[in-house]
Protein backbone atom coordinates (compact mmCIF):
# COMPACT_ATOMS: atom_id res chain seq x y z
CA MET A 1 114.50 83.61 64.19
CA LEU A 2 117.68 85.71 64.52
CA GLN A 3 119.65 85.52 67.77
CA LEU A 4 119.15 89.24 68.54
CA GLU A 5 115.37 89.02 68.14
CA PHE A 6 115.27 85.82 70.19
CA ASP A 7 117.25 87.41 73.05
CA GLN A 8 114.97 90.46 73.02
CA LEU A 9 111.84 88.30 73.29
CA LEU A 10 113.40 86.30 76.13
CA SER A 11 114.03 89.58 77.99
CA GLU A 12 110.36 90.49 77.50
CA PHE A 13 109.44 87.02 78.77
CA ASP A 14 111.54 87.63 81.92
CA ASP A 15 109.86 90.99 82.46
CA SER A 16 106.41 89.42 82.18
CA LEU A 17 107.39 86.77 84.77
CA ASP A 18 108.65 89.49 87.14
CA ALA A 19 105.46 91.47 86.61
CA VAL A 20 103.30 88.37 87.30
CA ASP A 21 101.71 89.05 83.90
CA THR A 22 100.71 85.45 83.19
CA ARG A 23 98.67 86.31 80.11
CA ARG A 24 101.64 88.00 78.42
CA SER A 25 104.00 85.24 79.62
CA HIS A 26 101.87 82.57 77.95
CA ALA A 27 101.60 84.64 74.76
CA LEU A 28 105.38 85.07 74.58
CA ALA A 29 105.92 81.38 75.32
CA GLU A 30 103.65 80.49 72.42
CA ARG A 31 105.47 82.92 70.14
CA LEU A 32 108.92 81.62 71.09
CA ARG A 33 108.12 77.90 71.18
CA GLY A 34 110.00 75.98 68.50
CA ARG A 35 111.81 79.07 67.20
CA ALA A 36 115.07 78.93 69.14
CA PRO A 37 118.09 79.42 66.83
CA ASP A 38 120.22 76.69 68.45
CA ALA A 39 120.46 74.11 71.25
CA ALA A 40 121.40 76.78 73.81
CA GLY A 41 118.33 78.78 72.83
CA ARG A 42 116.08 75.75 73.23
CA MET A 43 117.55 75.15 76.68
CA ARG A 44 116.97 78.80 77.74
CA MET A 45 113.37 78.58 76.53
CA ALA A 46 112.74 75.29 78.37
CA LEU A 47 114.00 76.86 81.60
CA ARG A 48 111.54 79.74 81.37
CA GLU A 49 108.65 77.44 80.55
CA MET A 50 109.46 75.43 83.70
CA VAL A 51 109.47 78.61 85.82
CA LEU A 52 106.20 79.77 84.21
CA ALA A 53 104.52 76.42 84.94
CA VAL A 54 105.65 76.52 88.57
CA PHE A 55 104.75 80.16 89.23
CA THR A 56 101.30 79.84 87.62
CA ASP A 57 100.58 76.69 89.68
CA GLN A 58 100.37 74.47 86.58
CA GLN A 59 102.89 72.11 88.17
CA PRO A 60 104.49 71.81 91.62
CA PRO A 61 108.11 72.91 92.03
CA SER A 62 110.45 69.98 91.36
CA GLN A 63 114.10 70.04 92.39
CA GLU A 64 114.70 66.93 90.25
CA GLN A 65 113.46 68.66 87.10
CA ALA A 66 115.45 71.81 87.89
CA ASN A 67 118.56 69.69 88.55
CA ALA A 68 118.14 67.79 85.28
CA LEU A 69 117.89 71.00 83.23
CA LEU A 70 120.87 72.47 85.11
CA GLU A 71 123.00 69.41 84.25
CA GLN A 72 121.92 69.62 80.60
CA ALA A 73 122.95 73.28 80.55
CA ARG A 74 126.37 72.41 82.02
CA ARG A 75 126.91 69.82 79.27
CA LEU A 76 126.02 72.34 76.57
CA GLY A 77 129.04 74.45 77.49
CA ASP A 78 127.17 77.72 76.82
CA THR A 79 127.81 80.35 79.53
CA ARG A 80 124.54 82.24 79.10
CA ALA A 81 122.46 79.06 79.06
CA LEU A 82 124.21 77.93 82.25
CA ALA A 83 123.59 81.29 83.95
CA ASP A 84 119.90 81.16 82.96
CA ALA A 85 119.71 77.59 84.29
CA LEU A 86 121.17 78.68 87.64
CA VAL A 87 118.58 81.47 87.91
CA ALA A 88 115.74 79.06 87.07
CA TYR A 89 117.09 76.53 89.58
CA GLY A 90 117.24 79.25 92.26
CA ARG A 91 113.67 80.35 91.59
CA VAL A 92 112.28 76.81 91.73
CA VAL A 93 114.12 75.63 94.87
CA SER A 94 113.29 78.86 96.69
CA ARG A 95 109.65 77.77 96.35
CA LEU A 96 110.72 74.61 98.18
CA ARG A 97 112.26 76.83 100.91
CA MET A 98 115.77 75.60 100.06
CA VAL A 99 117.04 79.14 100.47
CA THR A 100 120.76 78.47 100.82
CA GLN A 101 120.81 76.46 97.58
CA ALA A 102 118.78 79.15 95.83
CA LEU A 103 121.06 81.99 96.96
CA ASP A 104 124.16 79.99 96.01
CA ALA A 105 122.78 79.35 92.50
CA LEU A 106 121.85 83.01 92.05
CA SER A 107 125.32 84.15 93.17
CA GLN A 108 126.90 81.85 90.58
CA ALA A 109 124.54 83.19 87.92
CA GLU A 110 125.38 86.79 88.88
CA ALA A 111 129.11 86.05 88.43
CA LEU A 112 128.51 84.47 85.00
CA TYR A 113 126.40 87.42 83.82
CA ALA A 114 129.14 89.79 85.02
CA GLU A 115 131.66 87.74 83.03
CA LEU A 116 129.43 88.20 79.94
CA GLY A 117 129.19 91.95 80.61
CA ASP A 118 125.39 91.73 80.91
CA ALA A 119 124.57 94.39 83.54
CA ARG A 120 120.81 93.94 83.17
CA SER A 121 120.99 90.22 83.96
CA VAL A 122 123.30 90.90 86.91
CA VAL A 123 120.60 93.13 88.41
CA MET A 124 117.97 90.51 87.59
CA ALA A 125 119.90 87.89 89.58
CA GLN A 126 120.17 90.31 92.52
CA VAL A 127 116.43 90.97 92.46
CA ARG A 128 115.78 87.23 92.46
CA ALA A 129 117.96 87.04 95.57
CA SER A 130 115.64 89.50 97.31
CA HIS A 131 112.72 87.11 96.67
CA CYS A 132 114.74 84.25 98.20
CA LEU A 133 115.57 86.30 101.29
CA TYR A 134 111.88 87.13 101.71
CA GLU A 135 110.82 83.47 101.31
CA GLY A 136 113.49 82.52 103.86
CA GLU A 137 112.23 85.18 106.32
CA MET A 138 115.68 86.80 106.33
CA PHE A 139 114.16 90.26 106.60
CA ASP A 140 117.12 91.96 108.30
CA GLU A 141 119.50 90.63 105.64
CA LEU A 142 117.10 91.73 102.90
CA LEU A 143 116.97 95.29 104.22
CA GLN A 144 120.70 95.41 104.81
CA ARG A 145 121.34 94.56 101.17
CA PHE A 146 118.52 96.41 99.39
CA GLU A 147 117.32 99.25 101.66
CA PRO A 148 119.97 101.65 100.25
CA LEU A 149 118.08 101.45 96.96
CA LEU A 150 115.26 103.54 98.47
CA GLY A 151 117.60 106.48 98.93
CA ASP A 152 118.98 106.29 95.40
CA PRO A 153 116.26 107.35 92.90
CA GLN A 154 118.74 107.32 90.01
CA ARG A 155 119.56 103.68 90.61
CA GLN A 156 115.84 102.90 90.92
CA VAL A 157 115.17 104.44 87.50
CA SER A 158 117.96 102.34 85.96
CA LEU A 159 116.14 99.13 86.88
CA PRO A 160 113.58 97.57 84.51
CA PRO A 161 110.11 98.56 85.81
CA ALA A 162 108.96 95.05 86.72
CA MET A 163 112.22 94.29 88.57
CA ARG A 164 112.12 97.59 90.45
CA HIS A 165 108.48 97.03 91.40
CA GLY A 166 109.14 93.53 92.73
CA LEU A 167 112.24 94.61 94.65
CA LEU A 168 110.49 97.53 96.36
CA ASN A 169 107.57 95.26 97.24
CA ASN A 170 109.97 92.83 98.99
CA VAL A 171 111.60 95.71 100.90
CA GLY A 172 108.17 96.99 102.00
CA ALA A 173 107.12 93.49 103.10
CA ALA A 174 110.31 93.17 105.16
CA TYR A 175 109.46 96.45 106.92
CA SER A 176 105.98 95.11 107.68
CA PHE A 177 107.20 91.79 109.14
CA LEU A 178 109.66 93.73 111.30
CA ASP A 179 106.73 95.93 112.53
CA ARG A 180 108.14 99.06 110.89
CA TYR A 181 104.68 100.03 109.69
CA GLU A 182 105.39 103.68 108.83
CA ASP A 183 108.31 102.71 106.58
CA SER A 184 106.23 99.93 105.06
CA GLU A 185 103.31 102.34 104.47
CA ARG A 186 105.64 104.77 102.69
CA VAL A 187 106.87 102.11 100.25
CA ALA A 188 103.38 100.63 99.78
CA ARG A 189 101.91 104.07 99.00
CA GLN A 190 104.69 104.77 96.47
CA LEU A 191 103.97 101.51 94.66
CA TYR A 192 100.18 102.00 94.81
CA LEU A 193 100.37 105.51 93.34
CA GLU A 194 102.63 104.29 90.55
CA ALA A 195 100.16 101.48 89.83
CA CYS A 196 97.29 103.97 89.66
CA GLU A 197 99.24 106.16 87.24
CA ARG A 198 99.92 103.21 84.90
CA PRO A 199 96.96 100.80 85.33
CA ASP A 200 97.33 99.44 81.78
CA TYR A 201 100.99 98.53 82.28
CA LEU A 202 100.68 96.35 85.38
CA PRO A 203 98.72 93.07 85.36
CA PRO A 204 95.76 92.52 87.76
CA SER A 205 97.83 90.42 90.20
CA VAL A 206 100.28 93.28 90.77
CA LEU A 207 97.49 95.87 91.06
CA LEU A 208 95.81 93.64 93.67
CA ARG A 209 99.05 93.20 95.61
CA ASP A 210 99.85 96.93 95.71
CA THR A 211 96.29 97.86 96.71
CA VAL A 212 96.09 95.31 99.52
CA ASN A 213 99.63 96.11 100.76
CA LEU A 214 98.71 99.76 101.26
CA ALA A 215 95.44 98.77 102.95
CA ASN A 216 97.36 96.50 105.33
CA GLN A 217 99.80 99.20 106.38
CA LEU A 218 97.01 101.76 106.94
CA LEU A 219 95.09 99.18 108.97
CA TRP A 220 97.96 98.72 111.44
CA LEU A 221 98.34 102.46 111.66
CA GLY A 222 94.67 102.64 112.75
CA ARG A 223 93.41 104.51 109.68
CA LEU A 224 90.46 102.18 109.10
CA ASP A 225 88.36 104.64 107.10
CA GLU A 226 91.06 104.70 104.41
CA VAL A 227 91.26 100.91 104.39
CA GLU A 228 87.70 100.08 103.32
CA PRO A 229 87.80 101.85 99.89
CA LEU A 230 91.09 100.14 99.11
CA LEU A 231 89.71 96.69 99.97
CA ASP A 232 86.57 97.43 97.91
CA GLU A 233 88.85 98.25 94.98
CA ALA A 234 90.78 95.03 95.59
CA GLY A 235 87.49 93.08 95.70
CA ARG A 236 86.61 94.31 92.21
CA ILE A 237 89.99 93.12 90.91
CA VAL A 238 89.44 89.67 92.48
CA ALA A 239 85.92 89.50 91.04
CA SER A 240 87.32 90.07 87.53
CA GLY A 241 88.56 86.48 87.60
CA GLU A 242 91.98 87.50 86.23
CA VAL A 243 93.93 86.91 89.44
CA LEU A 244 95.51 83.60 90.46
CA GLU A 245 94.20 82.15 93.72
CA ARG A 246 97.66 82.31 95.34
CA HIS A 247 97.57 86.13 94.98
CA GLN A 248 94.18 86.36 96.74
CA ILE A 249 95.51 85.13 100.13
CA PHE A 250 96.59 88.55 101.39
CA TYR A 251 93.27 90.05 100.27
CA PHE A 252 91.18 87.68 102.42
CA GLN A 253 93.62 88.11 105.31
CA ASN A 254 93.08 91.89 105.28
CA LEU A 255 89.31 91.50 105.00
CA ALA A 256 89.57 89.42 108.19
CA LEU A 257 91.78 92.01 109.90
CA LEU A 258 89.37 94.84 109.06
CA ALA A 259 86.35 92.88 110.32
CA TRP A 260 88.26 92.08 113.53
CA LYS A 261 89.24 95.71 114.08
CA ARG A 262 85.59 96.69 113.52
CA GLY A 263 84.51 94.16 116.19
CA ARG A 264 82.88 91.70 113.77
CA HIS A 265 84.65 88.62 115.15
CA ALA A 266 82.54 85.90 113.47
CA GLU A 267 83.02 87.49 110.05
CA ALA A 268 86.73 87.94 110.76
CA LEU A 269 87.21 84.28 111.71
CA GLU A 270 85.41 83.18 108.55
CA GLN A 271 87.74 85.35 106.42
CA PHE A 272 90.80 84.05 108.31
CA ASP A 273 89.70 80.50 107.47
CA GLN A 274 89.36 81.44 103.79
CA ALA A 275 92.84 82.97 103.79
CA LYS A 276 94.33 79.93 105.60
CA LEU A 277 92.67 77.55 103.14
CA LEU A 278 94.43 79.28 100.26
CA ALA A 279 97.70 79.59 102.19
CA ASP A 280 97.68 75.84 102.86
CA ARG A 281 97.28 75.16 99.14
CA PHE A 282 100.00 77.60 98.09
CA PRO A 283 102.45 77.49 101.01
CA SER A 284 104.09 80.76 102.04
CA MET A 285 105.36 80.40 105.59
CA PRO A 286 105.58 84.12 106.45
CA ILE A 287 101.97 84.80 105.46
CA LEU A 288 100.61 81.56 106.95
CA ALA A 289 102.29 82.35 110.27
CA ARG A 290 100.67 85.80 110.36
CA ILE A 291 97.24 84.36 109.55
CA LEU A 292 97.43 81.87 112.44
CA LEU A 293 98.76 84.51 114.85
CA ARG A 294 95.97 87.00 114.08
CA LYS A 295 93.25 84.33 114.04
CA ALA A 296 94.32 83.12 117.50
CA GLU A 297 94.27 86.71 118.85
CA CYS A 298 90.81 87.31 117.31
CA ALA A 299 89.43 84.08 118.81
CA GLU A 300 90.81 84.97 122.26
CA GLU A 301 89.28 88.42 122.07
CA ALA A 302 85.93 86.87 121.09
CA GLY A 303 86.13 84.47 124.05
CA LEU A 304 86.42 81.38 121.85
CA LEU A 305 89.20 79.81 123.91
CA ASP A 306 88.99 76.30 122.42
CA LEU A 307 89.39 77.72 118.91
CA ALA A 308 92.19 79.95 120.13
CA LEU A 309 93.99 76.94 121.67
CA GLN A 310 93.68 74.90 118.47
CA THR A 311 95.04 77.80 116.46
CA ARG A 312 97.96 78.27 118.87
CA LYS A 313 98.80 74.57 118.49
CA ALA A 314 98.78 74.99 114.71
CA GLN A 315 101.13 77.97 115.24
CA VAL A 316 103.54 75.79 117.23
CA ARG A 317 103.52 73.09 114.56
CA LEU A 318 104.21 75.65 111.86
CA MET A 319 106.96 77.22 113.99
CA GLN A 320 108.62 73.82 114.36
CA GLU A 321 108.45 73.29 110.62
CA ARG A 322 109.90 76.73 110.03
CA VAL A 323 112.75 76.05 112.46
CA GLY A 324 113.56 72.83 110.61
CA HIS A 325 113.62 74.56 107.24
CA GLN A 326 115.62 77.51 108.51
CA ALA A 327 118.13 75.37 110.39
CA ARG A 328 118.71 73.23 107.30
CA SER A 329 119.08 76.33 105.14
CA PHE A 330 121.03 78.74 107.34
CA GLY A 331 122.58 76.86 110.27
CA LYS A 332 123.86 79.11 113.03
CA THR A 333 122.58 82.37 111.49
CA LEU A 334 119.13 81.59 112.89
CA GLU A 335 120.08 80.34 116.38
CA GLN A 336 117.73 82.88 117.97
CA VAL A 337 114.77 80.95 116.52
CA MET A 338 115.69 78.02 118.72
CA ASP A 339 114.60 79.98 121.82
CA TYR A 340 111.02 79.03 121.14
CA ALA A 341 109.45 76.64 123.63
CA ARG A 342 109.43 72.95 122.68
CA ALA A 343 112.14 73.38 120.04
CA GLN A 344 114.45 70.98 121.88
CA GLY A 345 111.69 68.43 122.18
CA GLN A 346 111.00 68.70 118.50
CA ASN A 347 114.69 68.19 117.71
CA GLU A 348 114.78 65.07 119.88
CA TYR A 349 111.73 63.75 118.10
CA LEU A 350 113.37 64.44 114.77
CA ARG A 351 116.53 62.63 115.89
CA ARG A 352 114.54 59.55 116.89
CA GLN A 353 112.65 59.63 113.65
CA GLY A 354 115.90 60.19 111.76
CA SER A 355 117.49 57.08 113.29
CA GLN A 356 114.47 55.01 112.36
CA LEU A 357 114.53 56.45 108.86
CA GLU A 358 118.25 55.67 108.56
CA ARG A 359 117.60 52.03 109.50
CA GLU A 360 114.74 51.81 107.05
CA LEU A 361 116.86 53.47 104.39
CA ALA A 362 119.72 50.99 104.97
CA GLU A 363 117.29 48.07 104.64
CA ALA A 364 115.80 49.56 101.51
CA ARG A 365 119.30 50.16 100.10
CA ASP A 366 120.29 46.52 100.74
CA ALA A 367 117.10 45.28 99.11
CA LEU A 368 117.71 47.61 96.17
CA GLU A 369 121.29 46.35 95.80
CA LEU A 370 120.05 42.76 95.64
CA LYS A 371 117.44 43.76 93.10
CA VAL A 372 120.05 45.60 91.02
CA GLN A 373 122.39 42.59 91.12
CA GLU A 374 119.54 40.31 90.06
CA ARG A 375 118.55 42.62 87.23
CA THR A 376 122.21 42.96 86.20
CA ARG A 377 122.58 39.19 85.95
CA GLU A 378 119.39 39.00 83.90
CA LEU A 379 120.64 41.77 81.61
CA GLU A 380 124.03 40.09 81.16
CA HIS A 381 122.31 36.80 80.33
CA ALA A 382 120.00 38.53 77.85
CA THR A 383 122.97 40.33 76.28
CA ARG A 384 124.87 37.05 75.90
CA MET A 385 121.84 35.46 74.27
CA LEU A 386 121.46 38.38 71.88
CA LEU A 387 125.15 38.26 70.99
CA GLU A 388 124.89 34.54 70.28
CA ARG A 389 121.87 35.24 68.09
CA GLU A 390 123.86 37.93 66.31
CA LYS A 391 126.65 35.41 65.69
CA GLN A 392 124.13 32.84 64.43
CA ALA A 393 122.53 35.46 62.19
CA ALA A 394 125.95 36.36 60.77
CA LEU A 395 126.74 32.66 60.20
CA SER A 396 123.34 32.12 58.57
CA HIS A 397 124.04 35.09 56.33
CA LEU A 398 127.39 33.52 55.30
CA VAL A 399 125.84 30.09 54.71
CA ALA A 400 123.09 31.60 52.59
CA GLY A 401 125.64 33.53 50.55
CA VAL A 402 127.86 30.51 50.00
CA ALA A 403 124.88 28.30 49.13
CA HIS A 404 123.70 30.86 46.61
CA GLU A 405 127.17 31.16 45.14
CA LEU A 406 127.57 27.36 44.89
CA ASN A 407 124.39 27.12 42.84
CA THR A 408 126.05 28.64 39.78
CA PRO A 409 129.12 26.39 39.33
CA LEU A 410 127.26 23.26 40.41
CA GLY A 411 124.39 24.10 38.06
CA ASN A 412 126.86 24.60 35.22
CA ALA A 413 128.53 21.26 36.00
CA ILE A 414 125.17 19.46 36.06
CA LEU A 415 124.16 21.09 32.76
CA ALA A 416 127.47 20.11 31.14
CA THR A 417 127.28 16.47 32.27
CA SER A 418 123.63 16.21 31.16
CA THR A 419 124.59 17.54 27.74
CA LEU A 420 127.52 15.09 27.50
CA GLU A 421 125.20 12.22 28.44
CA ALA A 422 122.78 13.13 25.63
CA VAL A 423 125.65 13.47 23.09
CA ALA A 424 127.12 10.11 24.18
CA GLN A 425 123.74 8.36 23.75
CA GLN A 426 123.33 9.88 20.30
CA HIS A 427 126.88 8.79 19.36
CA ARG A 428 126.20 5.22 20.60
CA ARG A 429 122.98 4.91 18.55
CA ALA A 430 124.80 6.06 15.40
CA TYR A 431 127.59 3.54 16.03
CA GLU A 432 125.18 0.67 16.64
CA GLY A 433 123.22 1.53 13.47
CA GLU A 434 126.45 1.70 11.44
CA ARG A 435 125.63 5.33 10.57
CA LEU A 436 128.72 6.82 12.25
CA SER A 437 130.64 9.25 10.02
CA ARG A 438 133.93 11.01 10.51
CA ARG A 439 132.12 14.36 10.91
CA MET A 440 129.99 12.93 13.72
CA VAL A 441 133.10 11.60 15.49
CA ASP A 442 134.78 15.03 15.26
CA GLU A 443 131.64 16.76 16.66
CA PHE A 444 131.45 14.22 19.49
CA HIS A 445 135.09 14.85 20.45
CA ALA A 446 134.56 18.65 20.36
CA ASN A 447 131.41 18.46 22.55
CA LEU A 448 133.24 16.13 24.93
CA ASP A 449 136.18 18.56 25.27
CA ASP A 450 133.89 21.61 25.85
CA GLY A 451 131.70 19.79 28.36
CA LEU A 452 134.62 18.41 30.35
CA ARG A 453 136.34 21.83 30.49
CA LEU A 454 133.12 23.51 31.71
CA THR A 455 132.56 20.77 34.28
CA GLN A 456 136.14 20.99 35.53
CA ARG A 457 136.02 24.83 35.88
CA SER A 458 132.67 24.69 37.66
CA LEU A 459 133.73 22.00 40.10
CA GLU A 460 137.03 23.79 40.81
CA ARG A 461 135.08 26.99 41.60
CA ALA A 462 132.74 25.05 43.89
CA ALA A 463 135.67 23.35 45.60
CA GLU A 464 137.35 26.73 46.14
CA LEU A 465 134.20 28.14 47.79
CA VAL A 466 133.85 25.07 49.99
CA ARG A 467 137.51 25.25 51.03
CA SER A 468 137.20 28.96 51.95
CA PHE A 469 133.99 28.43 53.87
CA LYS A 470 135.40 25.32 55.58
CA ALA A 471 138.54 27.21 56.58
CA LEU A 472 136.53 30.13 57.95
CA ALA A 473 134.11 27.81 59.75
CA LEU A 474 136.91 25.84 61.33
CA GLU A 475 138.63 29.04 62.41
CA GLN A 476 135.44 30.40 64.00
CA ALA A 477 134.63 27.09 65.65
CA SER A 478 138.02 26.88 67.31
CA ALA A 479 138.88 28.90 70.41
CA GLU A 480 142.50 27.72 70.41
CA LEU A 481 145.33 30.18 69.98
CA VAL A 482 147.41 29.22 66.97
CA ASP A 483 149.87 30.78 64.56
CA PHE A 484 148.14 32.04 61.41
CA GLN A 485 148.73 34.29 58.44
CA VAL A 486 146.60 37.44 58.38
CA GLY A 487 146.42 37.31 54.59
CA ASP A 488 144.86 33.82 54.65
CA VAL A 489 142.07 34.98 56.97
CA VAL A 490 141.44 38.07 54.84
CA ARG A 491 141.28 36.08 51.60
CA ASN A 492 139.02 33.39 53.08
CA THR A 493 136.65 36.01 54.48
CA LEU A 494 136.49 37.93 51.20
CA ALA A 495 135.84 34.70 49.30
CA VAL A 496 132.89 33.88 51.54
CA MET A 497 131.57 37.47 51.46
CA GLU A 498 132.11 37.78 47.69
CA PRO A 499 128.45 37.03 46.77
CA GLY A 500 127.19 39.87 48.93
CA LEU A 501 129.88 42.23 47.64
CA ARG A 502 129.09 41.39 44.03
CA LYS A 503 125.35 41.80 44.58
CA ALA A 504 125.93 45.26 46.07
CA ALA A 505 128.33 46.10 43.20
CA VAL A 506 131.14 46.76 45.70
CA GLU A 507 134.73 46.33 44.56
CA ALA A 508 136.99 44.79 47.24
CA GLU A 509 140.73 45.49 47.30
CA PRO A 510 142.63 43.04 49.55
CA GLY A 511 146.03 43.50 47.94
CA ALA A 512 147.38 46.03 50.45
CA VAL A 513 147.43 43.48 53.30
CA SER A 514 151.03 42.54 54.02
CA GLU A 515 151.75 38.97 55.07
CA GLN A 516 152.29 38.65 58.81
CA LEU A 517 152.30 35.66 61.12
CA LEU A 518 150.17 36.30 64.22
CA HIS A 519 149.53 34.13 67.26
CA GLY A 520 145.92 34.24 68.32
CA ASN A 521 142.40 33.24 67.31
CA PRO A 522 141.95 33.38 63.51
CA GLY A 523 138.26 32.57 63.80
CA ALA A 524 137.60 35.65 65.90
CA LEU A 525 139.46 37.78 63.33
CA GLY A 526 137.38 36.24 60.52
CA GLN A 527 134.17 37.06 62.42
CA VAL A 528 135.35 40.64 62.95
CA LEU A 529 136.16 41.14 59.25
CA ALA A 530 132.90 39.51 58.11
CA GLN A 531 130.89 41.73 60.48
CA LEU A 532 132.72 44.90 59.38
CA ILE A 533 132.15 44.05 55.72
CA ASP A 534 128.48 43.28 56.37
CA ASN A 535 128.16 46.55 58.31
CA ALA A 536 129.58 48.43 55.33
CA LEU A 537 127.14 46.72 52.94
CA VAL A 538 124.09 47.49 55.10
CA HIS A 539 124.91 50.93 56.50
CA GLY A 540 127.47 52.32 54.08
CA PHE A 541 126.43 51.21 50.60
CA GLU A 542 122.69 50.51 50.76
CA GLY A 543 121.10 53.22 48.64
CA TRP A 544 124.49 54.92 48.16
CA PRO A 545 124.81 56.54 44.70
CA GLY A 546 128.56 57.22 44.87
CA LEU A 547 131.73 55.17 44.50
CA ARG A 548 131.46 51.64 45.93
CA ARG A 549 134.84 50.41 47.07
CA LEU A 550 136.04 48.39 50.07
CA ARG A 551 139.73 48.49 50.90
CA LEU A 552 141.66 46.34 53.39
CA GLU A 553 145.17 47.37 54.42
CA GLY A 554 147.53 45.78 56.91
CA GLU A 555 151.06 46.49 58.13
CA ARG A 556 153.28 45.78 61.09
CA ASP A 557 153.83 48.56 63.63
CA ALA A 558 156.44 47.68 66.30
CA ASP A 559 154.83 44.97 68.46
CA HIS A 560 151.44 45.20 66.81
CA TYR A 561 149.78 44.59 63.48
CA LEU A 562 147.52 47.34 62.17
CA LEU A 563 144.63 46.13 59.99
CA ARG A 564 142.35 48.75 58.44
CA VAL A 565 138.95 48.23 56.83
CA ALA A 566 137.81 51.28 54.86
CA ASP A 567 134.77 51.84 52.68
CA SER A 568 133.79 54.70 50.38
CA GLY A 569 130.13 54.71 51.47
CA ARG A 570 128.07 57.33 53.27
CA GLY A 571 130.20 57.27 56.45
CA ILE A 572 129.13 57.68 60.08
CA ALA A 573 127.69 60.96 61.39
CA SER A 574 129.87 62.78 63.91
CA ALA A 575 127.03 62.70 66.46
CA HIS A 576 127.06 58.87 66.33
CA ARG A 577 130.80 58.17 66.26
CA ALA A 578 131.24 58.01 70.03
CA ARG A 579 128.44 55.42 70.37
CA VAL A 580 129.00 53.02 67.45
CA PHE A 581 130.42 50.28 69.72
CA ASP A 582 127.68 50.66 72.36
CA PRO A 583 125.28 47.73 72.66
CA PHE A 584 121.86 48.25 71.04
CA PHE A 585 122.91 51.47 69.31
CA THR A 586 121.67 51.52 65.73
CA THR A 587 120.51 54.13 63.22
CA ARG A 588 118.15 51.57 61.66
CA LEU A 589 115.89 50.86 64.63
CA GLY A 590 112.83 48.93 63.51
CA GLN A 591 114.46 48.09 60.13
CA GLY A 592 116.01 44.77 61.07
CA SER A 593 119.14 46.00 62.86
CA SER A 594 119.74 44.85 66.43
CA GLY A 595 122.46 47.36 67.30
CA LEU A 596 124.79 44.54 68.39
CA GLY A 597 126.95 44.06 65.28
CA LEU A 598 129.73 46.53 66.08
CA HIS A 599 129.42 45.78 69.79
CA LEU A 600 130.16 42.13 68.94
CA VAL A 601 133.15 43.30 66.90
CA TYR A 602 134.41 45.34 69.85
CA ARG A 603 134.10 42.40 72.24
CA LEU A 604 135.84 40.00 69.85
CA VAL A 605 138.74 42.38 69.25
CA THR A 606 139.26 43.36 72.89
CA GLN A 607 138.45 40.04 74.60
CA ARG A 608 139.24 37.25 72.11
CA LEU A 609 142.06 38.94 70.18
CA GLY A 610 143.47 41.06 73.02
CA GLY A 611 143.65 44.10 70.78
CA GLU A 612 141.99 47.46 70.16
CA ILE A 613 139.60 48.80 67.57
CA HIS A 614 139.06 52.46 66.69
CA LEU A 615 136.81 54.39 64.34
CA LEU A 616 139.08 56.90 62.58
CA GLU A 617 138.48 59.90 60.37
CA SER A 618 138.57 58.80 56.73
CA PRO A 619 140.24 61.39 54.45
CA GLY A 620 138.22 60.34 51.43
CA GLY A 621 134.90 59.95 53.20
CA GLY A 622 133.19 56.74 54.26
CA ALA A 623 134.03 54.75 57.38
CA LEU A 624 137.51 53.65 58.49
CA PHE A 625 138.01 51.04 61.22
CA GLU A 626 141.49 50.27 62.50
CA LEU A 627 142.33 47.04 64.37
CA ARG A 628 145.48 47.07 66.51
CA LEU A 629 146.37 43.41 67.11
CA PRO A 630 149.22 41.99 69.22
CA LEU A 631 151.77 39.85 67.37
CA ARG A 632 151.95 37.26 70.16
């Protein structure tokens, strides 16, 4: 999918979310899923799917999930993806009533969109801010910032329809909560008439909201005869089954209000309970507070004083919770809320509880630290065991290679001596039977010469292999620091690894290693070279159709000796280069690789040899490792 088409569909997705058109949102999500053009596109799609899941009640809002996606977006380094992540974070945490964090995230997103020159997204971030102000019950601030929009029809027209509709709805709700019913009725009627003119454009949830909003404003203005037809219309929308339960709360609340105003108290209380049941499941503090307030007033009017008292107590508990949320979110901007009775007592209770929680948290932290230390020791022990196994596996690999290589010269020597024994027996029988001729003596001498030469060459080859292996084994078994020639270690290692190199048809070139006397641990260096060569055979040349060459180069550089091991194999992918020395990192998981080979190399170079090892860019392809070893 092209970037332009992808961006256009994401904009449509945003519009469907603003319009509460869940059916279209799910359809667009299905259409976009798996078709993002790049990593940034996949991130932007994941953010919208999280918001859709939260706002359609498929999953609860999670600050941890929003934080994780936000951090991923930061690491991507894409400005638009980061701005989208900030918007998504703001939308999710506003559901958790963390209004300050939500507004801060939306302000950052607005600045990033402005930097990109995306005016539409700037407005979108501002509209999201109006939702946060409503959720935080900052109605005065909401009106101060967005009320001028009502007097600017040209600016209203410039907004995308769904954004404009949602923004005006928030302004109208702010009027209502501030008891400015005539202003609220004006906005609610405007939205209702627009919904009636375009019923196919707006989803059922929005039609329900606009219908019930107008009914609510008319109810408080005492125009009850106009309310009933509107609530009947709203009832048909609810009965269609296309409206989420969270959007039905206000409908049941207004049914209760109408029944109360008509004097049907029992019916009203039943509807209040239905509205509260939904409001408890889908918390919205402003609406829940109004439900409790009106239910208490209805119960008092009906003479049900016990019920009224219980409802008032629930009001106080909710008020205390609201004060806590608002104080944490806004600090001194909501000091007037603290005038409520019992607020100080609630704060004292919270302080006592907080101290207890702090003590419990400290104890839990100490216990966790002990557990972490214990697990760390276990992990270090397991790592040491695995590294030892890796060393043993490497040694076993060397032993197997040397044993296999010894078979050939020793087998040749055995064959030659067996042949000489048979020729000697034949010669002796001819001599004892007085049948020995000059020709037979000449043939015996020729066979003796050939057999002895073959035996000598074979035994010399076997002795050379044993010497190399013995030298390497002694070096690796010793932890003493001694003076040694780099070239000797290189030649001994290549001699031991020669069977594996020959089997893989890899040509080794050790001639570019200059002689240099180092003071250190030759065994550790031999292990490093053997592991690097084995790594090249397994990861670089296995299944490689191209040139098969291994080159070792070494030269002095000031106070260090630089030793390079380069192969012409398939190389190491750029995505893996930063992790090749990490423990347990392997591209052959489940294929016999432990992921500890290069980590062992790193530890040997840095800890046993006191040097450095780096993976460099190889001009001719393949992998290039450079060891920087101290001279003394």
